[in-house]
Amino acid sequence: MPELSRFYGIVIKMYYNDHNPPHFHAEYGNDQMVVDVNTLGVIGGRLAPRATGLVMEWAAQHHAELQQAWQQARNMQPLDCIDPLP
């Protein structure tokens, strides 16, 4: 699964040709969360509250880039890296 971004120990990934709805995976330690790209709602899993907040802040800042990454992944195209949180 290609890595889109990494910050504060959190890894953001997206599968190629994955199922709908458009989503990304956030991993922190042994925990994982799946987030809807369009609504930024959690659709599976769970991270610690602080990690969840950082993921949501990052996703809100990079919403358009996440939508573009989803289209690239669906079309089996290389994914661009997305800047981490500062």
Protein backbone atom coordinates (compact mmCIF):
# COMPACT_ATOMS: atom_id res chain seq x y z
CA MET A 1 0.00 0.00 0.00
CA PRO A 2 1.60 3.30 -1.04
CA GLU A 3 2.47 5.78 1.67
CA LEU A 4 1.11 9.29 1.12
CA SER A 5 2.51 11.03 4.17
CA ARG A 6 4.20 10.49 7.54
CA PHE A 7 4.17 12.81 10.55
CA TYR A 8 4.50 12.48 14.34
CA GLY A 9 4.67 8.69 14.03
CA ILE A 10 1.45 8.55 11.99
CA VAL A 11 1.57 6.93 8.54
CA ILE A 12 -1.07 7.75 5.92
CA LYS A 13 -1.61 5.16 3.16
CA MET A 14 -3.96 4.45 0.31
CA TYR A 15 -4.51 1.18 -1.58
CA TYR A 16 -4.52 0.99 -5.36
CA ASN A 17 -7.93 0.23 -6.92
CA ASP A 18 -9.56 0.03 -3.46
CA HIS A 19 -13.31 -0.21 -2.80
CA ASN A 20 -15.62 2.79 -2.41
CA PRO A 21 -16.20 5.09 -0.61
CA PRO A 22 -12.97 7.00 -1.25
CA HIS A 23 -10.84 6.61 1.87
CA PHE A 24 -7.36 6.49 3.32
CA HIS A 25 -5.75 4.48 6.09
CA ALA A 26 -3.98 6.10 9.05
CA GLU A 27 -1.66 3.97 11.16
CA TYR A 28 -0.17 4.84 14.52
CA GLY A 29 1.70 2.12 16.37
CA ASN A 30 -0.40 -1.03 16.16
CA ASP A 31 -3.64 0.88 15.61
CA GLN A 32 -5.32 1.77 12.34
CA MET A 33 -8.17 4.02 11.32
CA VAL A 34 -9.95 4.37 7.97
CA VAL A 35 -11.17 7.85 7.02
CA ASP A 36 -13.64 8.82 4.29
CA VAL A 37 -11.93 11.26 1.90
CA ASN A 38 -15.11 13.21 1.13
CA THR A 39 -16.59 13.63 4.60
CA LEU A 40 -13.46 13.10 6.72
CA GLY A 41 -15.57 10.82 8.90
CA VAL A 42 -14.07 7.73 10.50
CA ILE A 43 -15.45 4.65 8.76
CA GLY A 44 -13.42 2.01 10.59
CA GLY A 45 -10.86 1.39 13.26
CA ARG A 46 -9.59 3.75 15.91
CA LEU A 47 -6.54 5.74 16.92
CA ALA A 48 -5.72 7.47 20.19
CA PRO A 49 -7.61 10.78 20.49
CA ARG A 50 -4.49 12.92 19.98
CA ALA A 51 -3.46 10.95 16.88
CA THR A 52 -7.02 11.15 15.54
CA GLY A 53 -6.97 14.93 15.94
CA LEU A 54 -3.68 15.22 14.07
CA VAL A 55 -4.97 13.02 11.24
CA MET A 56 -8.14 15.10 10.92
CA GLU A 57 -6.20 18.36 10.96
CA TRP A 58 -3.86 17.04 8.24
CA ALA A 59 -6.74 15.68 6.14
CA ALA A 60 -8.63 18.98 6.29
CA GLN A 61 -5.53 20.82 5.09
CA HIS A 62 -4.99 18.38 2.21
CA HIS A 63 -8.56 17.51 1.22
CA ALA A 64 -8.13 18.27 -2.50
CA GLU A 65 -4.85 16.35 -2.64
CA LEU A 66 -6.52 13.33 -1.02
CA GLN A 67 -9.31 13.40 -3.60
CA GLN A 68 -6.71 13.54 -6.37
CA ALA A 69 -4.74 10.68 -4.79
CA TRP A 70 -7.90 8.56 -4.69
CA GLN A 71 -8.45 9.09 -8.43
CA GLN A 72 -4.80 8.23 -9.13
CA ALA A 73 -5.07 5.07 -7.03
CA ARG A 74 -8.29 4.00 -8.75
CA ASN A 75 -6.56 4.44 -12.11
CA MET A 76 -3.46 2.53 -10.93
CA GLN A 77 -1.28 5.64 -11.36
CA PRO A 78 1.66 6.53 -9.11
CA LEU A 79 0.57 8.51 -6.06
CA ASP A 80 2.10 11.85 -5.19
CA CYS A 81 3.40 12.35 -1.67
CA ILE A 82 1.44 14.82 0.44
CA ASP A 83 3.24 17.20 2.80
CA PRO A 84 3.11 16.25 6.49
CA LEU A 85 1.92 18.47 9.30
CA PRO A 86 4.64 20.95 10.24
